[in-house]
C-alpha cells in the first residue's frame, strides 16, 4: 500500500490515506464523475433503461471514438462484461 502525498489527502493535516487495490469498485467516486452525476440529476426527468438522452449521447460518443456504427451495451462491472 502507498500513502497519498499531502496534496491528495482528504483533509489538511489528516494522516495519509492509503491506496488499496483490492477491487475496481473499492474506492469512492472521482470528483469529475460525481460532478457529472450531480449535473445529470439536476437536468430533469428522463426515461429509464437506456431510452434516455444521456445513454444516447454516450453511445454516440463511443461510436465516434471507435469510428464504427455499432450497438453499445452497458454492464455493471468487468465480470459481467466478460460473461
PDB file of N, CA and C in Angstrom:
ATOM      1  N   UNK A   1       0.835  -1.174   0.000  1.00  0.00           N
ATOM      2  CA  UNK A   1       0.000   0.000   0.000  1.00  0.00           C
ATOM      3  C   UNK A   1       0.883   1.241   0.000  1.00  0.00           C
ATOM      4  N   UNK A   2       0.409   2.270  -0.681  1.00  0.00           N
ATOM      5  CA  UNK A   2       1.157   3.507  -0.803  1.00  0.00           C
ATOM      6  C   UNK A   2       0.342   4.660  -0.238  1.00  0.00           C
ATOM      7  N   UNK A   3       0.971   5.511   0.545  1.00  0.00           N
ATOM      8  CA  UNK A   3       0.272   6.678   1.099  1.00  0.00           C
ATOM      9  C   UNK A   3       0.180   7.757   0.037  1.00  0.00           C
ATOM     10  N   UNK A   4      -0.951   8.458   0.008  1.00  0.00           N
ATOM     11  CA  UNK A   4      -1.108   9.594  -0.894  1.00  0.00           C
ATOM     12  C   UNK A   4      -0.198  10.732  -0.432  1.00  0.00           C
ATOM     13  N   UNK A   5       0.341  11.537  -1.366  1.00  0.00           N
ATOM     14  CA  UNK A   5       1.115  12.711  -0.966  1.00  0.00           C
ATOM     15  C   UNK A   5       0.203  13.729  -0.281  1.00  0.00           C
ATOM     16  N   UNK A   6       0.768  14.669   0.490  1.00  0.00           N
ATOM     17  CA  UNK A   6      -0.053  15.645   1.232  1.00  0.00           C
ATOM     18  C   UNK A   6      -1.068  16.372   0.361  1.00  0.00           C
ATOM     19  N   UNK A   7      -0.740  16.651  -0.896  1.00  0.00           N
ATOM     20  CA  UNK A   7      -1.661  17.392  -1.765  1.00  0.00           C
ATOM     21  C   UNK A   7      -2.914  16.602  -2.102  1.00  0.00           C
ATOM     22  N   UNK A   8      -2.898  15.284  -1.902  1.00  0.00           N
ATOM     23  CA  UNK A   8      -4.048  14.448  -2.245  1.00  0.00           C
ATOM     24  C   UNK A   8      -4.763  13.900  -1.014  1.00  0.00           C
ATOM     25  N   UNK A   9      -4.445  14.387   0.143  1.00  0.00           N
ATOM     26  CA  UNK A   9      -5.112  13.927   1.362  1.00  0.00           C
ATOM     27  C   UNK A   9      -6.500  14.537   1.442  1.00  0.00           C
ATOM     28  N   UNK A  10      -7.394  13.853   2.111  1.00  0.00           N
ATOM     29  CA  UNK A  10      -8.777  14.301   2.204  1.00  0.00           C
ATOM     30  C   UNK A  10      -8.908  15.601   2.978  1.00  0.00           C
ATOM     31  N   UNK A  11      -8.208  15.732   4.075  1.00  0.00           N
ATOM     32  CA  UNK A  11      -8.268  16.932   4.909  1.00  0.00           C
ATOM     33  C   UNK A  11      -6.850  17.391   5.209  1.00  0.00           C
ATOM     34  N   UNK A  12      -6.611  18.713   5.188  1.00  0.00           N
ATOM     35  CA  UNK A  12      -5.270  19.204   5.538  1.00  0.00           C
ATOM     36  C   UNK A  12      -4.868  18.724   6.919  1.00  0.00           C
ATOM     37  N   UNK A  13      -3.666  18.215   7.039  1.00  0.00           N
ATOM     38  CA  UNK A  13      -3.165  17.745   8.322  1.00  0.00           C
ATOM     39  C   UNK A  13      -3.627  16.349   8.693  1.00  0.00           C
ATOM     40  N   UNK A  14      -4.525  15.760   7.897  1.00  0.00           N
ATOM     41  CA  UNK A  14      -5.011  14.410   8.195  1.00  0.00           C
ATOM     42  C   UNK A  14      -3.917  13.397   7.889  1.00  0.00           C
ATOM     43  N   UNK A  15      -3.969  12.243   8.539  1.00  0.00           N
ATOM     44  CA  UNK A  15      -2.978  11.219   8.202  1.00  0.00           C
ATOM     45  C   UNK A  15      -3.150  10.805   6.742  1.00  0.00           C
ATOM     46  N   UNK A  16      -2.108  10.328   6.117  1.00  0.00           N
ATOM     47  CA  UNK A  16      -2.203   9.982   4.702  1.00  0.00           C
ATOM     48  C   UNK A  16      -3.213   8.860   4.462  1.00  0.00           C
ATOM     49  N   UNK A  17      -4.017   9.047   3.426  1.00  0.00           N
ATOM     50  CA  UNK A  17      -4.932   7.987   3.016  1.00  0.00           C
ATOM     51  C   UNK A  17      -4.113   6.898   2.340  1.00  0.00           C
ATOM     52  N   UNK A  18      -4.546   5.682   2.441  1.00  0.00           N
ATOM     53  CA  UNK A  18      -3.817   4.571   1.843  1.00  0.00           C
ATOM     54  C   UNK A  18      -4.516   4.135   0.554  1.00  0.00           C
ATOM     55  N   UNK A  19      -3.740   3.767  -0.434  1.00  0.00           N
ATOM     56  CA  UNK A  19      -4.291   3.217  -1.661  1.00  0.00           C
ATOM     57  C   UNK A  19      -4.424   1.712  -1.484  1.00  0.00           C
ATOM     58  N   UNK A  20      -5.578   1.188  -1.856  1.00  0.00           N
ATOM     59  CA  UNK A  20      -5.822  -0.249  -1.811  1.00  0.00           C
ATOM     60  C   UNK A  20      -6.228  -0.694  -3.199  1.00  0.00           C
ATOM     61  N   UNK A  21      -5.736  -1.805  -3.633  1.00  0.00           N
ATOM     62  CA  UNK A  21      -6.015  -2.283  -4.979  1.00  0.00           C
ATOM     63  C   UNK A  21      -6.807  -3.596  -4.936  1.00  0.00           C
ATOM     64  N   UNK A  22      -7.736  -3.721  -4.000  1.00  0.00           N
ATOM     65  CA  UNK A  22      -8.497  -4.945  -3.839  1.00  0.00           C
ATOM     66  C   UNK A  22      -9.521  -5.142  -4.954  1.00  0.00           C
ATOM     67  N   UNK A  23     -10.076  -4.052  -5.492  1.00  0.00           N
ATOM     68  CA  UNK A  23     -11.130  -4.159  -6.486  1.00  0.00           C
ATOM     69  C   UNK A  23     -11.278  -2.823  -7.198  1.00  0.00           C
ATOM     70  N   UNK A  24     -11.844  -2.857  -8.407  1.00  0.00           N
ATOM     71  CA  UNK A  24     -12.059  -1.607  -9.134  1.00  0.00           C
ATOM     72  C   UNK A  24     -13.174  -0.771  -8.528  1.00  0.00           C
ATOM     73  N   UNK A  25     -13.985  -1.334  -7.641  1.00  0.00           N
ATOM     74  CA  UNK A  25     -15.045  -0.558  -7.006  1.00  0.00           C
ATOM     75  C   UNK A  25     -14.765  -0.372  -5.511  1.00  0.00           C
ATOM     76  N   UNK A  26     -13.507  -0.415  -5.124  1.00  0.00           N
ATOM     77  CA  UNK A  26     -13.105  -0.296  -3.725  1.00  0.00           C
ATOM     78  C   UNK A  26     -13.101   1.150  -3.257  1.00  0.00           C
ATOM     79  N   UNK A  27     -12.724   2.070  -4.138  1.00  0.00           N
ATOM     80  CA  UNK A  27     -12.582   3.475  -3.771  1.00  0.00           C
ATOM     81  C   UNK A  27     -13.867   4.246  -4.060  1.00  0.00           C
ATOM     82  N   UNK A  28     -13.930   5.449  -3.534  1.00  0.00           N
ATOM     83  CA  UNK A  28     -15.056   6.333  -3.805  1.00  0.00           C
ATOM     84  C   UNK A  28     -15.012   6.882  -5.221  1.00  0.00           C
ATOM     85  N   UNK A  29     -16.040   7.594  -5.592  1.00  0.00           N
ATOM     86  CA  UNK A  29     -16.158   8.153  -6.933  1.00  0.00           C
ATOM     87  C   UNK A  29     -15.191   9.330  -7.101  1.00  0.00           C
ATOM     88  N   UNK A  30     -14.636   9.496  -8.291  1.00  0.00           N
ATOM     89  CA  UNK A  30     -13.730  10.626  -8.526  1.00  0.00           C
ATOM     90  C   UNK A  30     -14.570  11.906  -8.622  1.00  0.00           C
ATOM     91  N   UNK A  31     -13.995  13.043  -8.277  1.00  0.00           N
ATOM     92  CA  UNK A  31     -14.747  14.300  -8.246  1.00  0.00           C
ATOM     93  C   UNK A  31     -15.414  14.650  -9.583  1.00  0.00           C
ATOM     94  N   UNK A  32     -14.736  14.383 -10.695  1.00  0.00           N
ATOM     95  CA  UNK A  32     -15.309  14.717 -12.001  1.00  0.00           C
ATOM     96  C   UNK A  32     -16.555  13.887 -12.295  1.00  0.00           C
ATOM     97  N   UNK A  33     -16.509  12.610 -11.961  1.00  0.00           N
ATOM     98  CA  UNK A  33     -17.673  11.749 -12.179  1.00  0.00           C
ATOM     99  C   UNK A  33     -18.828  12.160 -11.271  1.00  0.00           C
ATOM    100  N   UNK A  34     -18.519  12.500 -10.023  1.00  0.00           N
ATOM    101  CA  UNK A  34     -19.559  12.946  -9.098  1.00  0.00           C
ATOM    102  C   UNK A  34     -20.216  14.230  -9.593  1.00  0.00           C
ATOM    103  N   UNK A  35     -19.415  15.162 -10.088  1.00  0.00           N
ATOM    104  CA  UNK A  35     -19.970  16.413 -10.615  1.00  0.00           C
ATOM    105  C   UNK A  35     -20.880  16.138 -11.807  1.00  0.00           C
ATOM    106  N   UNK A  36     -20.495  15.212 -12.668  1.00  0.00           N
ATOM    107  CA  UNK A  36     -21.327  14.862 -13.825  1.00  0.00           C
ATOM    108  C   UNK A  36     -22.638  14.211 -13.376  1.00  0.00           C
ATOM    109  N   UNK A  37     -22.591  13.366 -12.360  1.00  0.00           N
ATOM    110  CA  UNK A  37     -23.818  12.742 -11.845  1.00  0.00           C
ATOM    111  C   UNK A  37     -24.746  13.780 -11.231  1.00  0.00           C
ATOM    112  N   UNK A  38     -24.185  14.723 -10.502  1.00  0.00           N
ATOM    113  CA  UNK A  38     -24.997  15.777  -9.902  1.00  0.00           C
ATOM    114  C   UNK A  38     -25.648  16.626 -10.988  1.00  0.00           C
ATOM    115  N   UNK A  39     -24.894  16.972 -12.019  1.00  0.00           N
ATOM    116  CA  UNK A  39     -25.455  17.749 -13.136  1.00  0.00           C
ATOM    117  C   UNK A  39     -26.577  16.979 -13.814  1.00  0.00           C
ATOM    118  N   UNK A  40     -26.375  15.690 -14.034  1.00  0.00           N
ATOM    119  CA  UNK A  40     -27.414  14.868 -14.669  1.00  0.00           C
ATOM    120  C   UNK A  40     -28.659  14.792 -13.787  1.00  0.00           C
ATOM    121  N   UNK A  41     -28.456  14.697 -12.488  1.00  0.00           N
ATOM    122  CA  UNK A  41     -29.570  14.612 -11.555  1.00  0.00           C
ATOM    123  C   UNK A  41     -30.417  15.884 -11.563  1.00  0.00           C
ATOM    124  N   UNK A  42     -29.799  17.006 -11.841  1.00  0.00           N
ATOM    125  CA  UNK A  42     -30.497  18.292 -11.828  1.00  0.00           C
ATOM    126  C   UNK A  42     -31.141  18.629 -13.173  1.00  0.00           C
ATOM    127  N   UNK A  43     -30.961  17.788 -14.175  1.00  0.00           N
ATOM    128  CA  UNK A  43     -31.421  18.131 -15.523  1.00  0.00           C
ATOM    129  C   UNK A  43     -32.881  17.772 -15.783  1.00  0.00           C
ATOM    130  N   UNK A  44     -33.532  17.150 -14.834  1.00  0.00           N
ATOM    131  CA  UNK A  44     -34.940  16.804 -15.029  1.00  0.00           C
ATOM    132  C   UNK A  44     -35.143  15.306 -15.197  1.00  0.00           C
ATOM    133  N   UNK A  45     -36.362  14.941 -15.536  1.00  0.00           N
ATOM    134  CA  UNK A  45     -36.716  13.530 -15.668  1.00  0.00           C
ATOM    135  C   UNK A  45     -36.286  12.980 -17.023  1.00  0.00           C
ATOM    136  N   UNK A  46     -35.943  11.708 -17.040  1.00  0.00           N
ATOM    137  CA  UNK A  46     -35.539  11.002 -18.254  1.00  0.00           C
ATOM    138  C   UNK A  46     -36.158   9.606 -18.215  1.00  0.00           C
ATOM    139  N   UNK A  47     -36.466   9.057 -19.388  1.00  0.00           N
ATOM    140  CA  UNK A  47     -36.919   7.662 -19.412  1.00  0.00           C
ATOM    141  C   UNK A  47     -35.813   6.740 -18.897  1.00  0.00           C
ATOM    142  N   UNK A  48     -36.192   5.592 -18.420  1.00  0.00           N
ATOM    143  CA  UNK A  48     -35.224   4.652 -17.851  1.00  0.00           C
ATOM    144  C   UNK A  48     -34.806   3.583 -18.853  1.00  0.00           C
ATOM    145  N   UNK A  49     -33.822   2.810 -18.451  1.00  0.00           N
ATOM    146  CA  UNK A  49     -33.392   1.593 -19.145  1.00  0.00           C
ATOM    147  C   UNK A  49     -32.874   1.834 -20.557  1.00  0.00           C
ATOM    148  N   UNK A  50     -32.063   2.893 -20.728  1.00  0.00           N
ATOM    149  CA  UNK A  50     -31.378   3.098 -21.989  1.00  0.00           C
ATOM    150  C   UNK A  50     -32.105   3.933 -23.011  1.00  0.00           C
ATOM    151  N   UNK A  51     -33.303   4.386 -22.718  1.00  0.00           N
ATOM    152  CA  UNK A  51     -34.055   5.195 -23.671  1.00  0.00           C
ATOM    153  C   UNK A  51     -33.999   6.671 -23.275  1.00  0.00           C
ATOM    154  N   UNK A  52     -32.848   7.110 -22.791  1.00  0.00           N
ATOM    155  CA  UNK A  52     -32.690   8.475 -22.293  1.00  0.00           C
ATOM    156  C   UNK A  52     -31.625   9.214 -23.099  1.00  0.00           C
ATOM    157  N   UNK A  53     -31.614  10.528 -22.972  1.00  0.00           N
ATOM    158  CA  UNK A  53     -30.667  11.328 -23.746  1.00  0.00           C
ATOM    159  C   UNK A  53     -29.222  11.085 -23.309  1.00  0.00           C
ATOM    160  N   UNK A  54     -28.989  10.780 -22.027  1.00  0.00           N
ATOM    161  CA  UNK A  54     -27.621  10.541 -21.548  1.00  0.00           C
ATOM    162  C   UNK A  54     -27.029   9.286 -22.188  1.00  0.00           C
ATOM    163  N   UNK A  55     -27.808   8.225 -22.237  1.00  0.00           N
ATOM    164  CA  UNK A  55     -27.338   6.984 -22.857  1.00  0.00           C
ATOM    165  C   UNK A  55     -27.100   7.198 -24.339  1.00  0.00           C
ATOM    166  N   UNK A  56     -28.016   7.899 -25.003  1.00  0.00           N
ATOM    167  CA  UNK A  56     -27.842   8.162 -26.427  1.00  0.00           C
ATOM    168  C   UNK A  56     -26.571   8.965 -26.685  1.00  0.00           C
ATOM    169  N   UNK A  57     -26.294   9.961 -25.853  1.00  0.00           N
ATOM    170  CA  UNK A  57     -25.090  10.781 -26.020  1.00  0.00           C
ATOM    171  C   UNK A  57     -23.818   9.954 -25.873  1.00  0.00           C
ATOM    172  N   UNK A  58     -23.764   9.128 -24.828  1.00  0.00           N
ATOM    173  CA  UNK A  58     -22.537   8.355 -24.611  1.00  0.00           C
ATOM    174  C   UNK A  58     -22.369   7.285 -25.688  1.00  0.00           C
ATOM    175  N   UNK A  59     -23.454   6.699 -26.162  1.00  0.00           N
ATOM    176  CA  UNK A  59     -23.354   5.716 -27.244  1.00  0.00           C
ATOM    177  C   UNK A  59     -22.814   6.373 -28.512  1.00  0.00           C
ATOM    178  N   UNK A  60     -23.308   7.559 -28.824  1.00  0.00           N
ATOM    179  CA  UNK A  60     -22.806   8.284 -29.993  1.00  0.00           C
ATOM    180  C   UNK A  60     -21.330   8.622 -29.842  1.00  0.00           C
ATOM    181  N   UNK A  61     -20.924   9.013 -28.650  1.00  0.00           N
ATOM    182  CA  UNK A  61     -19.508   9.344 -28.428  1.00  0.00           C
ATOM    183  C   UNK A  61     -18.633   8.116 -28.548  1.00  0.00           C
ATOM    184  N   UNK A  62     -19.115   6.959 -28.074  1.00  0.00           N
ATOM    185  CA  UNK A  62     -18.342   5.718 -28.215  1.00  0.00           C
ATOM    186  C   UNK A  62     -18.213   5.317 -29.684  1.00  0.00           C
ATOM    187  N   UNK A  63     -19.300   5.460 -30.452  1.00  0.00           N
ATOM    188  CA  UNK A  63     -19.237   5.150 -31.879  1.00  0.00           C
ATOM    189  C   UNK A  63     -18.222   6.051 -32.576  1.00  0.00           C
ATOM    190  N   UNK A  64     -18.221   7.321 -32.187  1.00  0.00           N
ATOM    191  CA  UNK A  64     -17.268   8.278 -32.757  1.00  0.00           C
ATOM    192  C   UNK A  64     -15.833   7.920 -32.370  1.00  0.00           C
ATOM    193  N   UNK A  65     -15.638   7.601 -31.098  1.00  0.00           N
ATOM    194  CA  UNK A  65     -14.312   7.265 -30.604  1.00  0.00           C
ATOM    195  C   UNK A  65     -13.742   6.048 -31.336  1.00  0.00           C
ATOM    196  N   UNK A  66     -14.561   5.012 -31.492  1.00  0.00           N
ATOM    197  CA  UNK A  66     -14.100   3.774 -32.131  1.00  0.00           C
ATOM    198  C   UNK A  66     -14.336   3.762 -33.638  1.00  0.00           C
ATOM    199  N   UNK A  67     -14.889   4.845 -34.159  1.00  0.00           N
ATOM    200  CA  UNK A  67     -15.115   5.025 -35.592  1.00  0.00           C
ATOM    201  C   UNK A  67     -15.825   3.819 -36.212  1.00  0.00           C
ATOM    202  N   UNK A  68     -16.941   3.453 -35.584  1.00  0.00           N
ATOM    203  CA  UNK A  68     -17.732   2.337 -36.108  1.00  0.00           C
ATOM    204  C   UNK A  68     -19.199   2.520 -35.737  1.00  0.00           C
ATOM    205  N   UNK A  69     -20.071   2.038 -36.590  1.00  0.00           N
ATOM    206  CA  UNK A  69     -21.505   2.039 -36.310  1.00  0.00           C
ATOM    207  C   UNK A  69     -21.819   0.738 -35.586  1.00  0.00           C
ATOM    208  N   UNK A  70     -22.160   0.824 -34.328  1.00  0.00           N
ATOM    209  CA  UNK A  70     -22.370  -0.391 -33.532  1.00  0.00           C
ATOM    210  C   UNK A  70     -23.432  -0.154 -32.471  1.00  0.00           C
ATOM    211  N   UNK A  71     -23.882  -1.232 -31.882  1.00  0.00           N
ATOM    212  CA  UNK A  71     -24.744  -1.164 -30.711  1.00  0.00           C
ATOM    213  C   UNK A  71     -23.847  -1.126 -29.481  1.00  0.00           C
ATOM    214  N   UNK A  72     -24.266  -0.397 -28.472  1.00  0.00           N
ATOM    215  CA  UNK A  72     -23.494  -0.290 -27.228  1.00  0.00           C
ATOM    216  C   UNK A  72     -24.329  -0.876 -26.106  1.00  0.00           C
ATOM    217  N   UNK A  73     -23.717  -1.753 -25.317  1.00  0.00           N
ATOM    218  CA  UNK A  73     -24.396  -2.379 -24.188  1.00  0.00           C
ATOM    219  C   UNK A  73     -23.585  -2.118 -22.932  1.00  0.00           C
ATOM    220  N   UNK A  74     -24.220  -1.544 -21.920  1.00  0.00           N
ATOM    221  CA  UNK A  74     -23.549  -1.236 -20.669  1.00  0.00           C
ATOM    222  C   UNK A  74     -23.783  -2.352 -19.664  1.00  0.00           C
ATOM    223  N   UNK A  75     -22.748  -2.678 -18.912  1.00  0.00           N
ATOM    224  CA  UNK A  75     -22.837  -3.695 -17.868  1.00  0.00           C
ATOM    225  C   UNK A  75     -22.281  -3.122 -16.575  1.00  0.00           C
ATOM    226  N   UNK A  76     -22.556  -3.782 -15.492  1.00  0.00           N
ATOM    227  CA  UNK A  76     -22.205  -3.276 -14.165  1.00  0.00           C
ATOM    228  C   UNK A  76     -20.710  -3.291 -13.899  1.00  0.00           C
ATOM    229  N   UNK A  77     -20.017  -4.347 -14.311  1.00  0.00           N
ATOM    230  CA  UNK A  77     -18.602  -4.461 -13.970  1.00  0.00           C
ATOM    231  C   UNK A  77     -17.862  -5.329 -14.981  1.00  0.00           C
ATOM    232  N   UNK A  78     -16.583  -5.509 -14.760  1.00  0.00           N
ATOM    233  CA  UNK A  78     -15.757  -6.298 -15.667  1.00  0.00           C
ATOM    234  C   UNK A  78     -16.181  -7.744 -15.766  1.00  0.00           C
ATOM    235  N   UNK A  79     -16.611  -8.329 -14.659  1.00  0.00           N
ATOM    236  CA  UNK A  79     -17.045  -9.722 -14.679  1.00  0.00           C
ATOM    237  C   UNK A  79     -18.277  -9.875 -15.576  1.00  0.00           C
ATOM    238  N   UNK A  80     -19.211  -8.942 -15.471  1.00  0.00           N
ATOM    239  CA  UNK A  80     -20.404  -9.003 -16.325  1.00  0.00           C
ATOM    240  C   UNK A  80     -20.017  -8.805 -17.780  1.00  0.00           C
ATOM    241  N   UNK A  81     -19.067  -7.923 -18.051  1.00  0.00           N
ATOM    242  CA  UNK A  81     -18.622  -7.708 -19.434  1.00  0.00           C
ATOM    243  C   UNK A  81     -17.988  -8.967 -19.998  1.00  0.00           C
ATOM    244  N   UNK A  82     -17.219  -9.659 -19.186  1.00  0.00           N
ATOM    245  CA  UNK A  82     -16.561 -10.883 -19.642  1.00  0.00           C
ATOM    246  C   UNK A  82     -17.556 -12.015 -19.885  1.00  0.00           C
ATOM    247  N   UNK A  83     -18.681 -11.956 -19.210  1.00  0.00           N
ATOM    248  CA  UNK A  83     -19.692 -13.007 -19.386  1.00  0.00           C
ATOM    249  C   UNK A  83     -20.371 -12.863 -20.723  1.00  0.00           C
TER     250      UNK A  83
END
